[in-house]
Amino acid sequence: MNGWLKSLIATACIVIIASGGWRAWEEYANAKYLANAQAASQEAEEKSRCTAAVNTLIAFKNGSAGRLDGSFSDNKIIAAACLRGSADAGFHRKAKLALKAAGIDLQE
């Protein structure tokens, strides 16, 4: 009976250690998922803000926007900073082409 008790204790230890490892892995995976989701959400929010700034500049330049929040040059600075900070190359290229087509030069 002594051997049977030792194997029972060893099995219980293995189960406890394995369940602890499983729980730790779940916590790690959830934290990583949440961090990635938060980063994606922030990136989407920034892209939306940049798109709005670019569209507002184009509309104002074309005369279809009544007014700007701030000066035209301030909005150009915001749009330029957004485009410089954009990691999405396709968005960056499309926004620059749209601004160029509207006659807005961000290099000033």
PDB file of N, CA and C in Angstrom:
ATOM      1  N   MET A   1       0.812  -1.185   0.000  1.00  0.00           N
ATOM      2  CA  MET A   1       0.000   0.000   0.000  1.00  0.00           C
ATOM      3  C   MET A   1       0.857   1.251   0.000  1.00  0.00           C
ATOM      4  N   ASN A   2       2.066   1.133   0.442  1.00  0.00           N
ATOM      5  CA  ASN A   2       2.965   2.272   0.484  1.00  0.00           C
ATOM      6  C   ASN A   2       3.264   2.782  -0.932  1.00  0.00           C
ATOM      7  N   GLY A   3       3.483   1.899  -1.896  1.00  0.00           N
ATOM      8  CA  GLY A   3       3.747   2.278  -3.288  1.00  0.00           C
ATOM      9  C   GLY A   3       2.521   2.911  -3.929  1.00  0.00           C
ATOM     10  N   TRP A   4       1.339   2.392  -3.594  1.00  0.00           N
ATOM     11  CA  TRP A   4       0.093   2.916  -4.144  1.00  0.00           C
ATOM     12  C   TRP A   4      -0.123   4.350  -3.680  1.00  0.00           C
ATOM     13  N   LEU A   5       0.163   4.642  -2.423  1.00  0.00           N
ATOM     14  CA  LEU A   5       0.001   5.985  -1.873  1.00  0.00           C
ATOM     15  C   LEU A   5       0.990   6.957  -2.515  1.00  0.00           C
ATOM     16  N   LYS A   6       2.225   6.501  -2.730  1.00  0.00           N
ATOM     17  CA  LYS A   6       3.215   7.364  -3.373  1.00  0.00           C
ATOM     18  C   LYS A   6       2.800   7.715  -4.804  1.00  0.00           C
ATOM     19  N   SER A   7       2.286   6.740  -5.542  1.00  0.00           N
ATOM     20  CA  SER A   7       1.854   7.017  -6.915  1.00  0.00           C
ATOM     21  C   SER A   7       0.625   7.926  -6.938  1.00  0.00           C
ATOM     22  N   LEU A   8      -0.248   7.810  -5.963  1.00  0.00           N
ATOM     23  CA  LEU A   8      -1.419   8.693  -5.867  1.00  0.00           C
ATOM     24  C   LEU A   8      -0.980  10.134  -5.609  1.00  0.00           C
ATOM     25  N   ILE A   9      -0.041  10.331  -4.718  1.00  0.00           N
ATOM     26  CA  ILE A   9       0.471  11.669  -4.406  1.00  0.00           C
ATOM     27  C   ILE A   9       1.203  12.242  -5.622  1.00  0.00           C
ATOM     28  N   ALA A  10       1.990  11.426  -6.292  1.00  0.00           N
ATOM     29  CA  ALA A  10       2.718  11.879  -7.479  1.00  0.00           C
ATOM     30  C   ALA A  10       1.741  12.286  -8.588  1.00  0.00           C
ATOM     31  N   THR A  11       0.687  11.506  -8.771  1.00  0.00           N
ATOM     32  CA  THR A  11      -0.320  11.831  -9.779  1.00  0.00           C
ATOM     33  C   THR A  11      -1.029  13.133  -9.440  1.00  0.00           C
ATOM     34  N   ALA A  12      -1.369  13.315  -8.172  1.00  0.00           N
ATOM     35  CA  ALA A  12      -2.026  14.553  -7.745  1.00  0.00           C
ATOM     36  C   ALA A  12      -1.108  15.759  -7.981  1.00  0.00           C
ATOM     37  N   CYS A  13       0.169  15.606  -7.697  1.00  0.00           N
ATOM     38  CA  CYS A  13       1.126  16.706  -7.940  1.00  0.00           C
ATOM     39  C   CYS A  13       1.218  17.035  -9.418  1.00  0.00           C
ATOM     40  N   ILE A  14       1.262  16.026 -10.242  1.00  0.00           N
ATOM     41  CA  ILE A  14       1.342  16.248 -11.695  1.00  0.00           C
ATOM     42  C   ILE A  14       0.098  16.975 -12.195  1.00  0.00           C
ATOM     43  N   VAL A  15      -1.064  16.572 -11.710  1.00  0.00           N
ATOM     44  CA  VAL A  15      -2.314  17.221 -12.118  1.00  0.00           C
ATOM     45  C   VAL A  15      -2.330  18.682 -11.679  1.00  0.00           C
ATOM     46  N   ILE A  16      -1.909  18.957 -10.473  1.00  0.00           N
ATOM     47  CA  ILE A  16      -1.885  20.331  -9.954  1.00  0.00           C
ATOM     48  C   ILE A  16      -0.899  21.195 -10.743  1.00  0.00           C
ATOM     49  N   ILE A  17       0.275  20.673 -11.004  1.00  0.00           N
ATOM     50  CA  ILE A  17       1.280  21.426 -11.764  1.00  0.00           C
ATOM     51  C   ILE A  17       0.803  21.665 -13.201  1.00  0.00           C
ATOM     52  N   ALA A  18       0.216  20.650 -13.818  1.00  0.00           N
ATOM     53  CA  ALA A  18      -0.278  20.797 -15.193  1.00  0.00           C
ATOM     54  C   ALA A  18      -1.415  21.814 -15.264  1.00  0.00           C
ATOM     55  N   SER A  19      -2.324  21.782 -14.305  1.00  0.00           N
ATOM     56  CA  SER A  19      -3.434  22.751 -14.327  1.00  0.00           C
ATOM     57  C   SER A  19      -2.920  24.165 -14.078  1.00  0.00           C
ATOM     58  N   GLY A  20      -1.911  24.321 -13.246  1.00  0.00           N
ATOM     59  CA  GLY A  20      -1.300  25.635 -13.031  1.00  0.00           C
ATOM     60  C   GLY A  20      -0.643  26.155 -14.299  1.00  0.00           C
ATOM     61  N   GLY A  21       0.042  25.282 -15.013  1.00  0.00           N
ATOM     62  CA  GLY A  21       0.656  25.670 -16.280  1.00  0.00           C
ATOM     63  C   GLY A  21      -0.387  26.046 -17.322  1.00  0.00           C
ATOM     64  N   TRP A  22      -1.466  25.282 -17.354  1.00  0.00           N
ATOM     65  CA  TRP A  22      -2.558  25.582 -18.293  1.00  0.00           C
ATOM     66  C   TRP A  22      -3.161  26.950 -17.995  1.00  0.00           C
ATOM     67  N   ARG A  23      -3.392  27.222 -16.732  1.00  0.00           N
ATOM     68  CA  ARG A  23      -3.975  28.512 -16.317  1.00  0.00           C
ATOM     69  C   ARG A  23      -3.024  29.665 -16.643  1.00  0.00           C
ATOM     70  N   ALA A  24      -1.743  29.472 -16.390  1.00  0.00           N
ATOM     71  CA  ALA A  24      -0.759  30.515 -16.697  1.00  0.00           C
ATOM     72  C   ALA A  24      -0.722  30.780 -18.202  1.00  0.00           C
ATOM     73  N   TRP A  25      -0.785  29.736 -19.019  1.00  0.00           N
ATOM     74  CA  TRP A  25      -0.776  29.905 -20.469  1.00  0.00           C
ATOM     75  C   TRP A  25      -2.022  30.642 -20.941  1.00  0.00           C
ATOM     76  N   GLU A  26      -3.181  30.329 -20.364  1.00  0.00           N
ATOM     77  CA  GLU A  26      -4.418  31.038 -20.714  1.00  0.00           C
ATOM     78  C   GLU A  26      -4.318  32.521 -20.390  1.00  0.00           C
ATOM     79  N   GLU A  27      -3.791  32.852 -19.224  1.00  0.00           N
ATOM     80  CA  GLU A  27      -3.630  34.258 -18.825  1.00  0.00           C
ATOM     81  C   GLU A  27      -2.698  34.985 -19.784  1.00  0.00           C
ATOM     82  N   TYR A  28      -1.597  34.346 -20.152  1.00  0.00           N
ATOM     83  CA  TYR A  28      -0.646  34.942 -21.084  1.00  0.00           C
ATOM     84  C   TYR A  28      -1.300  35.177 -22.448  1.00  0.00           C
ATOM     85  N   ALA A  29      -2.012  34.179 -22.960  1.00  0.00           N
ATOM     86  CA  ALA A  29      -2.655  34.303 -24.265  1.00  0.00           C
ATOM     87  C   ALA A  29      -3.733  35.388 -24.248  1.00  0.00           C
ATOM     88  N   ASN A  30      -4.507  35.470 -23.179  1.00  0.00           N
ATOM     89  CA  ASN A  30      -5.539  36.505 -23.077  1.00  0.00           C
ATOM     90  C   ASN A  30      -4.927  37.897 -23.016  1.00  0.00           C
ATOM     91  N   ALA A  31      -3.855  38.045 -22.264  1.00  0.00           N
ATOM     92  CA  ALA A  31      -3.187  39.347 -22.159  1.00  0.00           C
ATOM     93  C   ALA A  31      -2.618  39.764 -23.515  1.00  0.00           C
ATOM     94  N   LYS A  32      -2.030  38.823 -24.226  1.00  0.00           N
ATOM     95  CA  LYS A  32      -1.470  39.120 -25.549  1.00  0.00           C
ATOM     96  C   LYS A  32      -2.583  39.497 -26.520  1.00  0.00           C
ATOM     97  N   TYR A  33      -3.702  38.778 -26.489  1.00  0.00           N
ATOM     98  CA  TYR A  33      -4.839  39.072 -27.363  1.00  0.00           C
ATOM     99  C   TYR A  33      -5.389  40.463 -27.067  1.00  0.00           C
ATOM    100  N   LEU A  34      -5.563  40.785 -25.795  1.00  0.00           N
ATOM    101  CA  LEU A  34      -6.090  42.096 -25.432  1.00  0.00           C
ATOM    102  C   LEU A  34      -5.145  43.218 -25.840  1.00  0.00           C
ATOM    103  N   ALA A  35      -3.847  43.014 -25.702  1.00  0.00           N
ATOM    104  CA  ALA A  35      -2.874  44.032 -26.109  1.00  0.00           C
ATOM    105  C   ALA A  35      -2.931  44.247 -27.621  1.00  0.00           C
ATOM    106  N   ASN A  36      -3.038  43.174 -28.384  1.00  0.00           N
ATOM    107  CA  ASN A  36      -3.137  43.296 -29.839  1.00  0.00           C
ATOM    108  C   ASN A  36      -4.434  43.978 -30.250  1.00  0.00           C
ATOM    109  N   ALA A  37      -5.529  43.642 -29.582  1.00  0.00           N
ATOM    110  CA  ALA A  37      -6.812  44.262 -29.901  1.00  0.00           C
ATOM    111  C   ALA A  37      -6.795  45.750 -29.580  1.00  0.00           C
ATOM    112  N   GLN A  38      -6.178  46.116 -28.475  1.00  0.00           N
ATOM    113  CA  GLN A  38      -6.092  47.525 -28.095  1.00  0.00           C
ATOM    114  C   GLN A  38      -5.223  48.298 -29.087  1.00  0.00           C
ATOM    115  N   ALA A  39      -4.121  47.713 -29.505  1.00  0.00           N
ATOM    116  CA  ALA A  39      -3.251  48.372 -30.489  1.00  0.00           C
ATOM    117  C   ALA A  39      -3.977  48.551 -31.817  1.00  0.00           C
ATOM    118  N   ALA A  40      -4.726  47.547 -32.246  1.00  0.00           N
ATOM    119  CA  ALA A  40      -5.482  47.647 -33.494  1.00  0.00           C
ATOM    120  C   ALA A  40      -6.560  48.712 -33.393  1.00  0.00           C
ATOM    121  N   SER A  41      -7.203  48.793 -32.239  1.00  0.00           N
ATOM    122  CA  SER A  41      -8.238  49.804 -32.026  1.00  0.00           C
ATOM    123  C   SER A  41      -7.651  51.210 -32.069  1.00  0.00           C
ATOM    124  N   GLN A  42      -6.505  51.403 -31.430  1.00  0.00           N
ATOM    125  CA  GLN A  42      -5.848  52.712 -31.454  1.00  0.00           C
ATOM    126  C   GLN A  42      -5.406  53.076 -32.865  1.00  0.00           C
ATOM    127  N   GLU A  43      -4.916  52.100 -33.600  1.00  0.00           N
ATOM    128  CA  GLU A  43      -4.480  52.357 -34.975  1.00  0.00           C
ATOM    129  C   GLU A  43      -5.671  52.736 -35.853  1.00  0.00           C
ATOM    130  N   ALA A  44      -6.790  52.043 -35.676  1.00  0.00           N
ATOM    131  CA  ALA A  44      -7.990  52.357 -36.454  1.00  0.00           C
ATOM    132  C   ALA A  44      -8.518  53.750 -36.098  1.00  0.00           C
ATOM    133  N   GLU A  45      -8.474  54.093 -34.820  1.00  0.00           N
ATOM    134  CA  GLU A  45      -8.920  55.420 -34.386  1.00  0.00           C
ATOM    135  C   GLU A  45      -8.027  56.516 -34.974  1.00  0.00           C
ATOM    136  N   GLU A  46      -6.724  56.301 -34.966  1.00  0.00           N
ATOM    137  CA  GLU A  46      -5.787  57.273 -35.535  1.00  0.00           C
ATOM    138  C   GLU A  46      -5.991  57.409 -37.040  1.00  0.00           C
ATOM    139  N   LYS A  47      -6.205  56.288 -37.712  1.00  0.00           N
ATOM    140  CA  LYS A  47      -6.439  56.322 -39.154  1.00  0.00           C
ATOM    141  C   LYS A  47      -7.723  57.075 -39.462  1.00  0.00           C
ATOM    142  N   SER A  48      -8.747  56.876 -38.655  1.00  0.00           N
ATOM    143  CA  SER A  48     -10.014  57.584 -38.836  1.00  0.00           C
ATOM    144  C   SER A  48      -9.828  59.087 -38.643  1.00  0.00           C
ATOM    145  N   ARG A  49      -9.064  59.465 -37.621  1.00  0.00           N
ATOM    146  CA  ARG A  49      -8.805  60.881 -37.355  1.00  0.00           C
ATOM    147  C   ARG A  49      -8.016  61.505 -38.502  1.00  0.00           C
ATOM    148  N   CYS A  50      -7.041  60.780 -39.017  1.00  0.00           N
ATOM    149  CA  CYS A  50      -6.238  61.280 -40.136  1.00  0.00           C
ATOM    150  C   CYS A  50      -7.089  61.416 -41.392  1.00  0.00           C
ATOM    151  N   THR A  51      -7.932  60.429 -41.646  1.00  0.00           N
ATOM    152  CA  THR A  51      -8.817  60.496 -42.806  1.00  0.00           C
ATOM    153  C   THR A  51      -9.732  61.700 -42.711  1.00  0.00           C
ATOM    154  N   ALA A  52     -10.261  61.946 -41.514  1.00  0.00           N
ATOM    155  CA  ALA A  52     -11.137  63.099 -41.316  1.00  0.00           C
ATOM    156  C   ALA A  52     -10.386  64.406 -41.551  1.00  0.00           C
ATOM    157  N   ALA A  53      -9.140  64.501 -41.079  1.00  0.00           N
ATOM    158  CA  ALA A  53      -8.342  65.723 -41.281  1.00  0.00           C
ATOM    159  C   ALA A  53      -8.066  65.948 -42.761  1.00  0.00           C
ATOM    160  N   VAL A  54      -7.705  64.893 -43.472  1.00  0.00           N
ATOM    161  CA  VAL A  54      -7.424  65.008 -44.907  1.00  0.00           C
ATOM    162  C   VAL A  54      -8.691  65.401 -45.661  1.00  0.00           C
ATOM    163  N   ASN A  55      -9.807  64.736 -45.359  1.00  0.00           N
ATOM    164  CA  ASN A  55     -11.067  65.044 -46.039  1.00  0.00           C
ATOM    165  C   ASN A  55     -11.531  66.467 -45.752  1.00  0.00           C
ATOM    166  N   THR A  56     -11.336  66.931 -44.524  1.00  0.00           N
ATOM    167  CA  THR A  56     -11.714  68.301 -44.171  1.00  0.00           C
ATOM    168  C   THR A  56     -10.877  69.305 -44.947  1.00  0.00           C
ATOM    169  N   LEU A  57      -9.587  69.057 -45.052  1.00  0.00           N
ATOM    170  CA  LEU A  57      -8.721  69.950 -45.823  1.00  0.00           C
ATOM    171  C   LEU A  57      -9.136  70.002 -47.287  1.00  0.00           C
ATOM    172  N   ILE A  58      -9.422  68.854 -47.857  1.00  0.00           N
ATOM    173  CA  ILE A  58      -9.822  68.803 -49.263  1.00  0.00           C
ATOM    174  C   ILE A  58     -11.151  69.526 -49.455  1.00  0.00           C
ATOM    175  N   ALA A  59     -12.111  69.275 -48.571  1.00  0.00           N
ATOM    176  CA  ALA A  59     -13.413  69.934 -48.685  1.00  0.00           C
ATOM    177  C   ALA A  59     -13.285  71.443 -48.532  1.00  0.00           C
ATOM    178  N   PHE A  60     -12.454  71.892 -47.617  1.00  0.00           N
ATOM    179  CA  PHE A  60     -12.275  73.327 -47.409  1.00  0.00           C
ATOM    180  C   PHE A  60     -11.599  73.963 -48.625  1.00  0.00           C
ATOM    181  N   LYS A  61     -10.608  73.282 -49.161  1.00  0.00           N
ATOM    182  CA  LYS A  61      -9.896  73.800 -50.332  1.00  0.00           C
ATOM    183  C   LYS A  61     -10.836  73.887 -51.533  1.00  0.00           C
ATOM    184  N   ASN A  62     -11.744  72.913 -51.661  1.00  0.00           N
ATOM    185  CA  ASN A  62     -12.693  72.901 -52.776  1.00  0.00           C
ATOM    186  C   ASN A  62     -13.881  73.834 -52.540  1.00  0.00           C
ATOM    187  N   GLY A  63     -13.988  74.391 -51.345  1.00  0.00           N
ATOM    188  CA  GLY A  63     -15.074  75.316 -51.042  1.00  0.00           C
ATOM    189  C   GLY A  63     -16.344  74.661 -50.555  1.00  0.00           C
ATOM    190  N   SER A  64     -16.335  73.370 -50.333  1.00  0.00           N
ATOM    191  CA  SER A  64     -17.554  72.697 -49.884  1.00  0.00           C
ATOM    192  C   SER A  64     -17.667  72.620 -48.365  1.00  0.00           C
ATOM    193  N   ALA A  65     -16.635  73.034 -47.651  1.00  0.00           N
ATOM    194  CA  ALA A  65     -16.690  73.068 -46.182  1.00  0.00           C
ATOM    195  C   ALA A  65     -16.818  74.522 -45.757  1.00  0.00           C
ATOM    196  N   GLY A  66     -17.699  74.778 -44.838  1.00  0.00           N
ATOM    197  CA  GLY A  66     -17.938  76.149 -44.400  1.00  0.00           C
ATOM    198  C   GLY A  66     -16.775  76.744 -43.630  1.00  0.00           C
ATOM    199  N   ARG A  67     -16.199  75.983 -42.722  1.00  0.00           N
ATOM    200  CA  ARG A  67     -15.101  76.508 -41.910  1.00  0.00           C
ATOM    201  C   ARG A  67     -14.244  75.346 -41.418  1.00  0.00           C
ATOM    202  N   LEU A  68     -13.095  75.697 -40.922  1.00  0.00           N
ATOM    203  CA  LEU A  68     -12.183  74.718 -40.325  1.00  0.00           C
ATOM    204  C   LEU A  68     -12.090  74.973 -38.835  1.00  0.00           C
ATOM    205  N   ASP A  69     -11.850  73.936 -38.077  1.00  0.00           N
ATOM    206  CA  ASP A  69     -11.513  74.108 -36.664  1.00  0.00           C
ATOM    207  C   ASP A  69     -10.026  74.419 -36.604  1.00  0.00           C
ATOM    208  N   GLY A  70      -9.692  75.684 -36.406  1.00  0.00           N
ATOM    209  CA  GLY A  70      -8.296  76.107 -36.432  1.00  0.00           C
ATOM    210  C   GLY A  70      -7.955  76.671 -37.793  1.00  0.00           C
ATOM    211  N   SER A  71      -6.729  77.064 -37.965  1.00  0.00           N
ATOM    212  CA  SER A  71      -6.325  77.655 -39.238  1.00  0.00           C
ATOM    213  C   SER A  71      -6.032  76.563 -40.266  1.00  0.00           C
ATOM    214  N   PHE A  72      -5.979  77.005 -41.514  1.00  0.00           N
ATOM    215  CA  PHE A  72      -5.687  76.072 -42.598  1.00  0.00           C
ATOM    216  C   PHE A  72      -4.298  75.464 -42.424  1.00  0.00           C
ATOM    217  N   SER A  73      -3.328  76.291 -42.034  1.00  0.00           N
ATOM    218  CA  SER A  73      -1.964  75.772 -41.867  1.00  0.00           C
ATOM    219  C   SER A  73      -1.874  74.808 -40.684  1.00  0.00           C
ATOM    220  N   ASP A  74      -2.652  75.054 -39.619  1.00  0.00           N
ATOM    221  CA  ASP A  74      -2.667  74.109 -38.503  1.00  0.00           C
ATOM    222  C   ASP A  74      -3.205  72.755 -38.944  1.00  0.00           C
ATOM    223  N   ASN A  75      -4.263  72.773 -39.749  1.00  0.00           N
ATOM    224  CA  ASN A  75      -4.829  71.524 -40.254  1.00  0.00           C
ATOM    225  C   ASN A  75      -3.867  70.829 -41.203  1.00  0.00           C
ATOM    226  N   LYS A  76      -3.089  71.591 -41.957  1.00  0.00           N
ATOM    227  CA  LYS A  76      -2.073  70.983 -42.818  1.00  0.00           C
ATOM    228  C   LYS A  76      -1.004  70.291 -41.981  1.00  0.00           C
ATOM    229  N   ILE A  77      -0.626  70.924 -40.880  1.00  0.00           N
ATOM    230  CA  ILE A  77       0.381  70.329 -39.996  1.00  0.00           C
ATOM    231  C   ILE A  77      -0.146  69.032 -39.399  1.00  0.00           C
ATOM    232  N   ILE A  78      -1.403  69.036 -38.970  1.00  0.00           N
ATOM    233  CA  ILE A  78      -2.018  67.830 -38.397  1.00  0.00           C
ATOM    234  C   ILE A  78      -2.059  66.714 -39.447  1.00  0.00           C
ATOM    235  N   ALA A  79      -2.502  67.061 -40.664  1.00  0.00           N
ATOM    236  CA  ALA A  79      -2.587  66.052 -41.724  1.00  0.00           C
ATOM    237  C   ALA A  79      -1.203  65.512 -42.069  1.00  0.00           C
ATOM    238  N   ALA A  80      -0.206  66.385 -42.135  1.00  0.00           N
ATOM    239  CA  ALA A  80       1.152  65.935 -42.456  1.00  0.00           C
ATOM    240  C   ALA A  80       1.689  65.017 -41.364  1.00  0.00           C
ATOM    241  N   ALA A  81       1.448  65.381 -40.109  1.00  0.00           N
ATOM    242  CA  ALA A  81       1.911  64.534 -38.999  1.00  0.00           C
ATOM    243  C   ALA A  81       1.220  63.183 -39.025  1.00  0.00           C
ATOM    244  N   CYS A  82      -0.065  63.168 -39.332  1.00  0.00           N
ATOM    245  CA  CYS A  82      -0.805  61.905 -39.422  1.00  0.00           C
ATOM    246  C   CYS A  82      -0.227  61.023 -40.522  1.00  0.00           C
ATOM    247  N   LEU A  83       0.037  61.635 -41.655  1.00  0.00           N
ATOM    248  CA  LEU A  83       0.549  60.842 -42.770  1.00  0.00           C
ATOM    249  C   LEU A  83       1.959  60.339 -42.496  1.00  0.00           C
ATOM    250  N   ARG A  84       2.774  61.140 -41.827  1.00  0.00           N
ATOM    251  CA  ARG A  84       4.124  60.693 -41.484  1.00  0.00           C
ATOM    252  C   ARG A  84       4.078  59.543 -40.486  1.00  0.00           C
ATOM    253  N   GLY A  85       3.098  59.588 -39.570  1.00  0.00           N
ATOM    254  CA  GLY A  85       3.007  58.569 -38.536  1.00  0.00           C
ATOM    255  C   GLY A  85       2.262  57.322 -38.970  1.00  0.00           C
ATOM    256  N   SER A  86       1.679  57.354 -40.169  1.00  0.00           N
ATOM    257  CA  SER A  86       0.880  56.222 -40.630  1.00  0.00           C
ATOM    258  C   SER A  86       1.766  55.046 -41.021  1.00  0.00           C
ATOM    259  N   ALA A  87       1.436  53.879 -40.483  1.00  0.00           N
ATOM    260  CA  ALA A  87       2.184  52.666 -40.826  1.00  0.00           C
ATOM    261  C   ALA A  87       1.597  52.002 -42.069  1.00  0.00           C
ATOM    262  N   ASP A  88       0.384  52.418 -42.447  1.00  0.00           N
ATOM    263  CA  ASP A  88      -0.299  51.837 -43.596  1.00  0.00           C
ATOM    264  C   ASP A  88       0.147  52.559 -44.868  1.00  0.00           C
ATOM    265  N   ALA A  89       1.004  51.933 -45.641  1.00  0.00           N
ATOM    266  CA  ALA A  89       1.576  52.568 -46.837  1.00  0.00           C
ATOM    267  C   ALA A  89       0.500  52.887 -47.878  1.00  0.00           C
ATOM    268  N   GLY A  90      -0.479  52.016 -48.025  1.00  0.00           N
ATOM    269  CA  GLY A  90      -1.560  52.249 -48.991  1.00  0.00           C
ATOM    270  C   GLY A  90      -2.380  53.471 -48.627  1.00  0.00           C
ATOM    271  N   PHE A  91      -2.721  53.603 -47.361  1.00  0.00           N
ATOM    272  CA  PHE A  91      -3.467  54.777 -46.890  1.00  0.00           C
ATOM    273  C   PHE A  91      -2.633  56.032 -47.098  1.00  0.00           C
ATOM    274  N   HIS A  92      -1.362  55.964 -46.769  1.00  0.00           N
ATOM    275  CA  HIS A  92      -0.454  57.104 -46.904  1.00  0.00           C
ATOM    276  C   HIS A  92      -0.411  57.575 -48.361  1.00  0.00           C
ATOM    277  N   ARG A  93      -0.261  56.661 -49.278  1.00  0.00           N
ATOM    278  CA  ARG A  93      -0.170  56.997 -50.698  1.00  0.00           C
ATOM    279  C   ARG A  93      -1.475  57.596 -51.209  1.00  0.00           C
ATOM    280  N   LYS A  94      -2.612  56.994 -50.863  1.00  0.00           N
ATOM    281  CA  LYS A  94      -3.913  57.480 -51.322  1.00  0.00           C
ATOM    282  C   LYS A  94      -4.208  58.871 -50.770  1.00  0.00           C
ATOM    283  N   ALA A  95      -3.894  59.090 -49.501  1.00  0.00           N
ATOM    284  CA  ALA A  95      -4.158  60.391 -48.893  1.00  0.00           C
ATOM    285  C   ALA A  95      -3.281  61.474 -49.529  1.00  0.00           C
ATOM    286  N   LYS A  96      -2.026  61.163 -49.763  1.00  0.00           N
ATOM    287  CA  LYS A  96      -1.146  62.154 -50.406  1.00  0.00           C
ATOM    288  C   LYS A  96      -1.610  62.479 -51.817  1.00  0.00           C
ATOM    289  N   LEU A  97      -2.045  61.469 -52.564  1.00  0.00           N
ATOM    290  CA  LEU A  97      -2.549  61.714 -53.915  1.00  0.00           C
ATOM    291  C   LEU A  97      -3.813  62.560 -53.892  1.00  0.00           C
ATOM    292  N   ALA A  98      -4.712  62.290 -52.937  1.00  0.00           N
ATOM    293  CA  ALA A  98      -5.947  63.070 -52.829  1.00  0.00           C
ATOM    294  C   ALA A  98      -5.641  64.520 -52.479  1.00  0.00           C
ATOM    295  N   LEU A  99      -4.714  64.735 -51.561  1.00  0.00           N
ATOM    296  CA  LEU A  99      -4.339  66.104 -51.200  1.00  0.00           C
ATOM    297  C   LEU A  99      -3.674  66.803 -52.373  1.00  0.00           C
ATOM    298  N   LYS A 100      -2.829  66.096 -53.094  1.00  0.00           N
ATOM    299  CA  LYS A 100      -2.148  66.687 -54.243  1.00  0.00           C
ATOM    300  C   LYS A 100      -3.157  67.034 -55.329  1.00  0.00           C
ATOM    301  N   ALA A 101      -4.133  66.160 -55.556  1.00  0.00           N
ATOM    302  CA  ALA A 101      -5.158  66.423 -56.564  1.00  0.00           C
ATOM    303  C   ALA A 101      -5.997  67.643 -56.182  1.00  0.00           C
ATOM    304  N   ALA A 102      -6.170  67.884 -54.883  1.00  0.00           N
ATOM    305  CA  ALA A 102      -6.951  69.046 -54.430  1.00  0.00           C
ATOM    306  C   ALA A 102      -6.105  70.307 -54.409  1.00  0.00           C
ATOM    307  N   GLY A 103      -4.811  70.180 -54.704  1.00  0.00           N
ATOM    308  CA  GLY A 103      -3.934  71.345 -54.725  1.00  0.00           C
ATOM    309  C   GLY A 103      -3.391  71.726 -53.376  1.00  0.00           C
ATOM    310  N   ILE A 104      -3.342  70.785 -52.455  1.00  0.00           N
ATOM    311  CA  ILE A 104      -2.819  71.059 -51.099  1.00  0.00           C
ATOM    312  C   ILE A 104      -1.426  70.464 -51.012  1.00  0.00           C
ATOM    313  N   ASP A 105      -0.448  71.331 -50.775  1.00  0.00           N
ATOM    314  CA  ASP A 105       0.950  70.890 -50.667  1.00  0.00           C
ATOM    315  C   ASP A 105       1.325  70.843 -49.200  1.00  0.00           C
ATOM    316  N   LEU A 106       1.665  69.685 -48.688  1.00  0.00           N
ATOM    317  CA  LEU A 106       2.022  69.532 -47.276  1.00  0.00           C
ATOM    318  C   LEU A 106       3.488  69.850 -47.004  1.00  0.00           C
ATOM    319  N   GLN A 107       4.264  70.161 -48.023  1.00  0.00           N
ATOM    320  CA  GLN A 107       5.688  70.399 -47.845  1.00  0.00           C
ATOM    321  C   GLN A 107       6.006  71.790 -47.312  1.00  0.00           C
ATOM    322  N   GLU A 108       5.050  72.703 -47.326  1.00  0.00           N
ATOM    323  CA  GLU A 108       5.299  74.080 -46.885  1.00  0.00           C
ATOM    324  C   GLU A 108       5.691  74.155 -45.437  1.00  0.00           C
TER     325      GLU A 108
END
